[in-house]
Amino acid sequence: MAGLISANVFLLGFLISSVLIDYKESEKLPGELAANLMSILDEVSTVYKRNQTELVRACLEYTLELTQTIKNWFYKKENTDTLMNKLSRLNDYLDGLESVAGAGSVSRIKSEQSAIRRTIIRVRTIRGTSFAPSGYAIAEAMNILVIIGLLLTQIGTFFEAVFFVGLIAFVNTYMLMLIKQLDNPFDYYSKASGVDEVSLMPLDEVLCLSKPLV
């Protein structure tokens, strides 16, 4: 029985350590998106201070709208194709902006645009891919076997048996649920969403800070 419990603990430890690697990376992604968007807004707003044309102002407004679209995409209110098309349509403004701001500014904006595209693809991959589904199946089977094994094992008095079986079953089941929850840190859109999702506060700050610019 001790060997079965040890094997179950080892499997749960392997799953949670693997999932936490993606989770720690995911924590950085909204901040990276926010930094890219703020860089674009800073660049365009600097140009706007020198040349207050309608085109530059429209580019500022479009970047702010793009930020809101990205946030909606996290909640699956916008699909990925729509977001990617909207990101590409930023080029329509950049073509006209080059004559006002120069090639250097446009090149920096396009670099940030490319970084946003890469981050979006990474987020889509993380939230669309479950880590080792077979590992979860084995962990669930092991959890059930451990509980059955404990029920069949003589453990002191009745109350001692209830306590230890209940405690081990609770810890194992909770750990398995926690691992599944952490496996998708961008699960804002389902009924299972909770406090374990990565914070989108950086995007909210971009929206808040950029409104005075337009």
C-alpha atoms as a PDB file:
ATOM      1  CA  MET A   1       0.000   0.000   0.000  1.00  0.00           C
ATOM      2  CA  ALA A   2       2.833   2.371   0.852  1.00  0.00           C
ATOM      3  CA  GLY A   3       4.345   1.779  -2.588  1.00  0.00           C
ATOM      4  CA  LEU A   4       1.058   2.636  -4.307  1.00  0.00           C
ATOM      5  CA  ILE A   5       0.728   5.888  -2.346  1.00  0.00           C
ATOM      6  CA  SER A   6       4.359   6.802  -3.098  1.00  0.00           C
ATOM      7  CA  ALA A   7       3.842   6.158  -6.818  1.00  0.00           C
ATOM      8  CA  ASN A   8       0.730   8.351  -6.812  1.00  0.00           C
ATOM      9  CA  VAL A   9       2.569  11.178  -5.006  1.00  0.00           C
ATOM     10  CA  PHE A  10       5.483  10.904  -7.457  1.00  0.00           C
ATOM     11  CA  LEU A  11       3.116  11.101 -10.451  1.00  0.00           C
ATOM     12  CA  LEU A  12       1.278  14.130  -9.025  1.00  0.00           C
ATOM     13  CA  GLY A  13       4.619  15.819  -8.296  1.00  0.00           C
ATOM     14  CA  PHE A  14       5.778  15.218 -11.866  1.00  0.00           C
ATOM     15  CA  LEU A  15       2.546  16.644 -13.315  1.00  0.00           C
ATOM     16  CA  ILE A  16       2.478  19.777 -11.165  1.00  0.00           C
ATOM     17  CA  SER A  17       6.173  20.565 -11.718  1.00  0.00           C
ATOM     18  CA  SER A  18       5.695  20.273 -15.490  1.00  0.00           C
ATOM     19  CA  VAL A  19       2.521  22.383 -15.503  1.00  0.00           C
ATOM     20  CA  LEU A  20       4.108  25.085 -13.331  1.00  0.00           C
ATOM     21  CA  ILE A  21       6.796  25.688 -15.971  1.00  0.00           C
ATOM     22  CA  ASP A  22       4.148  26.775 -18.491  1.00  0.00           C
ATOM     23  CA  TYR A  23       2.240  28.643 -15.791  1.00  0.00           C
ATOM     24  CA  LYS A  24       5.277  30.735 -14.804  1.00  0.00           C
ATOM     25  CA  GLU A  25       5.901  31.565 -18.457  1.00  0.00           C
ATOM     26  CA  SER A  26       2.229  32.446 -18.933  1.00  0.00           C
ATOM     27  CA  GLU A  27       2.375  34.976 -16.088  1.00  0.00           C
ATOM     28  CA  LYS A  28       4.782  37.058 -18.189  1.00  0.00           C
ATOM     29  CA  LEU A  29       2.763  37.069 -21.428  1.00  0.00           C
ATOM     30  CA  PRO A  30       0.088  39.712 -20.590  1.00  0.00           C
ATOM     31  CA  GLY A  31       2.876  41.988 -19.327  1.00  0.00           C
ATOM     32  CA  GLU A  32       4.834  41.500 -22.554  1.00  0.00           C
ATOM     33  CA  LEU A  33       1.746  42.327 -24.612  1.00  0.00           C
ATOM     34  CA  ALA A  34       1.165  45.437 -22.510  1.00  0.00           C
ATOM     35  CA  ALA A  35       4.798  46.526 -22.949  1.00  0.00           C
ATOM     36  CA  ASN A  36       4.582  46.071 -26.737  1.00  0.00           C
ATOM     37  CA  LEU A  37       1.347  48.048 -26.941  1.00  0.00           C
ATOM     38  CA  MET A  38       2.674  50.833 -24.722  1.00  0.00           C
ATOM     39  CA  SER A  39       5.783  51.084 -26.919  1.00  0.00           C
ATOM     40  CA  ILE A  40       3.581  51.523 -29.989  1.00  0.00           C
ATOM     41  CA  LEU A  41       1.443  54.101 -28.217  1.00  0.00           C
ATOM     42  CA  ASP A  42       4.511  56.004 -27.005  1.00  0.00           C
ATOM     43  CA  GLU A  43       5.974  56.062 -30.500  1.00  0.00           C
ATOM     44  CA  VAL A  44       2.764  57.222 -32.136  1.00  0.00           C
ATOM     45  CA  SER A  45       1.999  59.791 -29.425  1.00  0.00           C
ATOM     46  CA  THR A  46       5.496  61.264 -29.840  1.00  0.00           C
ATOM     47  CA  VAL A  47       4.827  61.663 -33.559  1.00  0.00           C
ATOM     48  CA  TYR A  48       1.433  63.175 -32.761  1.00  0.00           C
ATOM     49  CA  LYS A  49       3.020  65.860 -30.591  1.00  0.00           C
ATOM     50  CA  ARG A  50       5.103  66.948 -33.587  1.00  0.00           C
ATOM     51  CA  ASN A  51       2.459  66.457 -36.275  1.00  0.00           C
ATOM     52  CA  GLN A  52      -1.101  66.621 -35.019  1.00  0.00           C
ATOM     53  CA  THR A  53      -2.649  65.191 -38.143  1.00  0.00           C
ATOM     54  CA  GLU A  54      -5.827  63.161 -38.413  1.00  0.00           C
ATOM     55  CA  LEU A  55      -3.879  60.122 -39.617  1.00  0.00           C
ATOM     56  CA  VAL A  56      -1.665  59.991 -36.520  1.00  0.00           C
ATOM     57  CA  ARG A  57      -4.642  60.465 -34.219  1.00  0.00           C
ATOM     58  CA  ALA A  58      -6.493  57.673 -36.025  1.00  0.00           C
ATOM     59  CA  CYS A  59      -3.466  55.413 -35.485  1.00  0.00           C
ATOM     60  CA  LEU A  60      -3.554  56.181 -31.758  1.00  0.00           C
ATOM     61  CA  GLU A  61      -7.251  55.383 -31.571  1.00  0.00           C
ATOM     62  CA  TYR A  62      -6.759  52.182 -33.551  1.00  0.00           C
ATOM     63  CA  THR A  63      -3.994  50.988 -31.215  1.00  0.00           C
ATOM     64  CA  LEU A  64      -6.259  51.589 -28.232  1.00  0.00           C
ATOM     65  CA  GLU A  65      -9.037  49.672 -29.993  1.00  0.00           C
ATOM     66  CA  LEU A  66      -6.578  46.862 -30.711  1.00  0.00           C
ATOM     67  CA  THR A  67      -5.709  46.669 -27.004  1.00  0.00           C
ATOM     68  CA  GLN A  68      -9.381  46.253 -26.128  1.00  0.00           C
ATOM     69  CA  THR A  69      -9.729  43.577 -28.811  1.00  0.00           C
ATOM     70  CA  ILE A  70      -6.798  41.643 -27.341  1.00  0.00           C
ATOM     71  CA  LYS A  71      -8.409  41.747 -23.913  1.00  0.00           C
ATOM     72  CA  ASN A  72     -11.727  40.564 -25.367  1.00  0.00           C
ATOM     73  CA  TRP A  73      -9.852  37.761 -27.134  1.00  0.00           C
ATOM     74  CA  PHE A  74      -8.612  36.450 -23.791  1.00  0.00           C
ATOM     75  CA  TYR A  75     -12.274  36.088 -22.779  1.00  0.00           C
ATOM     76  CA  LYS A  76     -13.091  34.506 -26.183  1.00  0.00           C
ATOM     77  CA  LYS A  77     -15.325  37.429 -27.132  1.00  0.00           C
ATOM     78  CA  GLU A  78     -13.172  37.758 -30.265  1.00  0.00           C
ATOM     79  CA  ASN A  79     -11.801  34.868 -32.304  1.00  0.00           C
ATOM     80  CA  THR A  80      -8.122  34.526 -33.204  1.00  0.00           C
ATOM     81  CA  ASP A  81      -8.594  35.173 -36.935  1.00  0.00           C
ATOM     82  CA  THR A  82     -10.358  38.467 -36.240  1.00  0.00           C
ATOM     83  CA  LEU A  83      -7.614  39.542 -33.847  1.00  0.00           C
ATOM     84  CA  MET A  84      -4.826  38.637 -36.282  1.00  0.00           C
ATOM     85  CA  ASN A  85      -6.568  40.506 -39.109  1.00  0.00           C
ATOM     86  CA  LYS A  86      -6.974  43.536 -36.880  1.00  0.00           C
ATOM     87  CA  LEU A  87      -3.306  43.394 -35.945  1.00  0.00           C
ATOM     88  CA  SER A  88      -2.363  43.224 -39.633  1.00  0.00           C
ATOM     89  CA  ARG A  89      -4.621  46.178 -40.467  1.00  0.00           C
ATOM     90  CA  LEU A  90      -2.350  48.334 -38.329  1.00  0.00           C
ATOM     91  CA  ASN A  91      -0.106  48.340 -41.420  1.00  0.00           C
ATOM     92  CA  ASP A  92      -2.676  50.497 -43.220  1.00  0.00           C
ATOM     93  CA  TYR A  93      -1.914  53.301 -40.769  1.00  0.00           C
ATOM     94  CA  LEU A  94       1.823  52.659 -40.781  1.00  0.00           C
ATOM     95  CA  ASP A  95       2.043  53.141 -44.555  1.00  0.00           C
ATOM     96  CA  GLY A  96       0.745  56.685 -44.174  1.00  0.00           C
ATOM     97  CA  LEU A  97       2.643  57.269 -40.942  1.00  0.00           C
ATOM     98  CA  GLU A  98       6.014  56.695 -42.595  1.00  0.00           C
ATOM     99  CA  SER A  99       5.777  59.941 -44.563  1.00  0.00           C
ATOM    100  CA  VAL A 100       5.147  61.863 -41.330  1.00  0.00           C
ATOM    101  CA  ALA A 101       7.277  60.001 -38.775  1.00  0.00           C
ATOM    102  CA  GLY A 102      10.048  58.508 -40.881  1.00  0.00           C
ATOM    103  CA  ALA A 103      11.151  54.942 -41.519  1.00  0.00           C
ATOM    104  CA  GLY A 104      12.800  54.572 -38.083  1.00  0.00           C
ATOM    105  CA  SER A 105       9.575  55.050 -36.125  1.00  0.00           C
ATOM    106  CA  VAL A 106       7.612  52.764 -38.412  1.00  0.00           C
ATOM    107  CA  SER A 107      10.321  50.087 -38.142  1.00  0.00           C
ATOM    108  CA  ARG A 108      10.151  50.186 -34.327  1.00  0.00           C
ATOM    109  CA  ILE A 109       6.357  49.931 -34.401  1.00  0.00           C
ATOM    110  CA  LYS A 110       6.495  46.966 -36.784  1.00  0.00           C
ATOM    111  CA  SER A 111       8.974  45.244 -34.480  1.00  0.00           C
ATOM    112  CA  GLU A 112       6.515  45.587 -31.573  1.00  0.00           C
ATOM    113  CA  GLN A 113       3.691  44.430 -33.849  1.00  0.00           C
ATOM    114  CA  SER A 114       5.650  41.272 -34.676  1.00  0.00           C
ATOM    115  CA  ALA A 115       6.303  40.640 -30.963  1.00  0.00           C
ATOM    116  CA  ILE A 116       2.557  40.955 -30.238  1.00  0.00           C
ATOM    117  CA  ARG A 117       1.809  38.408 -32.959  1.00  0.00           C
ATOM    118  CA  ARG A 118       4.301  35.913 -31.497  1.00  0.00           C
ATOM    119  CA  THR A 119       2.874  36.322 -27.989  1.00  0.00           C
ATOM    120  CA  ILE A 120      -0.702  35.811 -29.184  1.00  0.00           C
ATOM    121  CA  ILE A 121       0.306  32.603 -30.951  1.00  0.00           C
ATOM    122  CA  ARG A 122       2.038  31.412 -27.766  1.00  0.00           C
ATOM    123  CA  VAL A 123      -1.042  32.145 -25.623  1.00  0.00           C
ATOM    124  CA  ARG A 124      -3.289  30.341 -28.117  1.00  0.00           C
ATOM    125  CA  THR A 125      -0.987  27.299 -28.000  1.00  0.00           C
ATOM    126  CA  ILE A 126      -0.935  27.192 -24.193  1.00  0.00           C
ATOM    127  CA  ARG A 127      -4.687  27.488 -23.746  1.00  0.00           C
ATOM    128  CA  GLY A 128      -5.467  25.101 -26.616  1.00  0.00           C
ATOM    129  CA  THR A 129      -3.084  22.316 -25.577  1.00  0.00           C
ATOM    130  CA  SER A 130      -3.575  20.130 -22.524  1.00  0.00           C
ATOM    131  CA  PHE A 131      -0.398  18.814 -20.906  1.00  0.00           C
ATOM    132  CA  ALA A 132      -0.125  15.007 -21.160  1.00  0.00           C
ATOM    133  CA  PRO A 133      -3.824  13.935 -21.122  1.00  0.00           C
ATOM    134  CA  SER A 134      -2.664  10.345 -20.635  1.00  0.00           C
ATOM    135  CA  GLY A 135      -0.817  11.485 -17.497  1.00  0.00           C
ATOM    136  CA  TYR A 136      -4.064  12.868 -16.079  1.00  0.00           C
ATOM    137  CA  ALA A 137      -5.844   9.593 -16.868  1.00  0.00           C
ATOM    138  CA  ILE A 138      -3.163   7.581 -15.070  1.00  0.00           C
ATOM    139  CA  ALA A 139      -3.237   9.975 -12.084  1.00  0.00           C
ATOM    140  CA  GLU A 140      -7.037   9.675 -11.802  1.00  0.00           C
ATOM    141  CA  ALA A 141      -6.817   5.872 -11.993  1.00  0.00           C
ATOM    142  CA  MET A 142      -4.055   5.820  -9.370  1.00  0.00           C
ATOM    143  CA  ASN A 143      -6.095   8.087  -7.099  1.00  0.00           C
ATOM    144  CA  ILE A 144      -9.067   5.728  -7.289  1.00  0.00           C
ATOM    145  CA  LEU A 145      -6.824   2.686  -6.653  1.00  0.00           C
ATOM    146  CA  VAL A 146      -5.258   4.376  -3.612  1.00  0.00           C
ATOM    147  CA  ILE A 147      -8.686   5.138  -2.123  1.00  0.00           C
ATOM    148  CA  ILE A 148      -9.904   1.563  -2.769  1.00  0.00           C
ATOM    149  CA  GLY A 149      -6.666   0.165  -1.328  1.00  0.00           C
ATOM    150  CA  LEU A 150      -7.026   2.273   1.812  1.00  0.00           C
ATOM    151  CA  LEU A 151     -10.626   1.127   2.254  1.00  0.00           C
ATOM    152  CA  LEU A 152      -9.496  -2.502   2.054  1.00  0.00           C
ATOM    153  CA  THR A 153      -6.623  -1.976   4.501  1.00  0.00           C
ATOM    154  CA  GLN A 154      -7.053  -2.414   8.250  1.00  0.00           C
ATOM    155  CA  ILE A 155      -6.173   0.982   9.784  1.00  0.00           C
ATOM    156  CA  GLY A 156      -6.685   1.007  13.548  1.00  0.00           C
ATOM    157  CA  THR A 157     -10.162   1.949  14.748  1.00  0.00           C
ATOM    158  CA  PHE A 158     -13.080   3.004  12.536  1.00  0.00           C
ATOM    159  CA  PHE A 159     -12.552   6.722  13.227  1.00  0.00           C
ATOM    160  CA  GLU A 160      -8.827   6.503  12.496  1.00  0.00           C
ATOM    161  CA  ALA A 161      -9.582   4.765   9.202  1.00  0.00           C
ATOM    162  CA  VAL A 162     -12.142   7.400   8.225  1.00  0.00           C
ATOM    163  CA  PHE A 163      -9.721  10.213   9.084  1.00  0.00           C
ATOM    164  CA  PHE A 164      -6.705   8.862   7.189  1.00  0.00           C
ATOM    165  CA  VAL A 165      -8.659   7.642   4.165  1.00  0.00           C
ATOM    166  CA  GLY A 166     -10.564  10.928   3.957  1.00  0.00           C
ATOM    167  CA  LEU A 167      -7.389  13.007   4.365  1.00  0.00           C
ATOM    168  CA  ILE A 168      -5.397  11.171   1.680  1.00  0.00           C
ATOM    169  CA  ALA A 169      -8.364  11.095  -0.710  1.00  0.00           C
ATOM    170  CA  PHE A 170      -8.956  14.841  -0.209  1.00  0.00           C
ATOM    171  CA  VAL A 171      -5.301  15.826  -0.729  1.00  0.00           C
ATOM    172  CA  ASN A 172      -4.857  13.643  -3.824  1.00  0.00           C
ATOM    173  CA  THR A 173      -8.129  14.765  -5.403  1.00  0.00           C
ATOM    174  CA  TYR A 174      -7.468  18.436  -4.642  1.00  0.00           C
ATOM    175  CA  MET A 175      -3.961  18.242  -6.102  1.00  0.00           C
ATOM    176  CA  LEU A 176      -5.280  16.661  -9.292  1.00  0.00           C
ATOM    177  CA  MET A 177      -7.944  19.374  -9.648  1.00  0.00           C
ATOM    178  CA  LEU A 178      -5.328  22.066  -8.999  1.00  0.00           C
ATOM    179  CA  ILE A 179      -3.044  20.658 -11.706  1.00  0.00           C
ATOM    180  CA  LYS A 180      -5.898  20.658 -14.233  1.00  0.00           C
ATOM    181  CA  GLN A 181      -6.756  24.243 -13.291  1.00  0.00           C
ATOM    182  CA  LEU A 182      -3.163  25.430 -13.676  1.00  0.00           C
ATOM    183  CA  ASP A 183      -2.848  23.635 -17.015  1.00  0.00           C
ATOM    184  CA  ASN A 184      -4.818  26.460 -18.671  1.00  0.00           C
ATOM    185  CA  PRO A 185      -3.862  29.759 -16.994  1.00  0.00           C
ATOM    186  CA  PHE A 186      -5.975  31.689 -19.528  1.00  0.00           C
ATOM    187  CA  ASP A 187      -9.295  30.017 -18.729  1.00  0.00           C
ATOM    188  CA  TYR A 188     -11.290  33.239 -18.203  1.00  0.00           C
ATOM    189  CA  TYR A 189     -14.217  32.107 -20.333  1.00  0.00           C
ATOM    190  CA  SER A 190     -15.396  28.850 -18.726  1.00  0.00           C
ATOM    191  CA  LYS A 191     -17.484  28.107 -15.657  1.00  0.00           C
ATOM    192  CA  ALA A 192     -14.392  26.606 -14.010  1.00  0.00           C
ATOM    193  CA  SER A 193     -12.496  29.912 -14.107  1.00  0.00           C
ATOM    194  CA  GLY A 194     -11.291  31.224 -10.759  1.00  0.00           C
ATOM    195  CA  VAL A 195      -8.424  32.958  -8.998  1.00  0.00           C
ATOM    196  CA  ASP A 196      -5.768  30.749 -10.596  1.00  0.00           C
ATOM    197  CA  GLU A 197      -5.873  32.520 -13.959  1.00  0.00           C
ATOM    198  CA  VAL A 198      -3.059  34.850 -14.949  1.00  0.00           C
ATOM    199  CA  SER A 199      -3.864  38.499 -14.212  1.00  0.00           C
ATOM    200  CA  LEU A 200      -4.733  40.776 -17.150  1.00  0.00           C
ATOM    201  CA  MET A 201      -4.032  43.879 -15.072  1.00  0.00           C
ATOM    202  CA  PRO A 202      -1.202  45.038 -17.408  1.00  0.00           C
ATOM    203  CA  LEU A 203      -3.670  45.306 -20.304  1.00  0.00           C
ATOM    204  CA  ASP A 204      -6.133  47.210 -18.088  1.00  0.00           C
ATOM    205  CA  GLU A 205      -3.344  49.636 -17.216  1.00  0.00           C
ATOM    206  CA  VAL A 206      -2.588  50.194 -20.907  1.00  0.00           C
ATOM    207  CA  LEU A 207      -6.242  51.012 -21.553  1.00  0.00           C
ATOM    208  CA  CYS A 208      -6.308  53.359 -18.554  1.00  0.00           C
ATOM    209  CA  LEU A 209      -3.045  55.147 -19.326  1.00  0.00           C
ATOM    210  CA  SER A 210      -3.641  55.521 -23.062  1.00  0.00           C
ATOM    211  CA  LYS A 211      -7.131  57.076 -22.914  1.00  0.00           C
ATOM    212  CA  PRO A 212      -5.764  60.578 -22.148  1.00  0.00           C
ATOM    213  CA  LEU A 213      -3.575  60.323 -25.257  1.00  0.00           C
ATOM    214  CA  VAL A 214      -6.584  60.199 -27.573  1.00  0.00           C
END
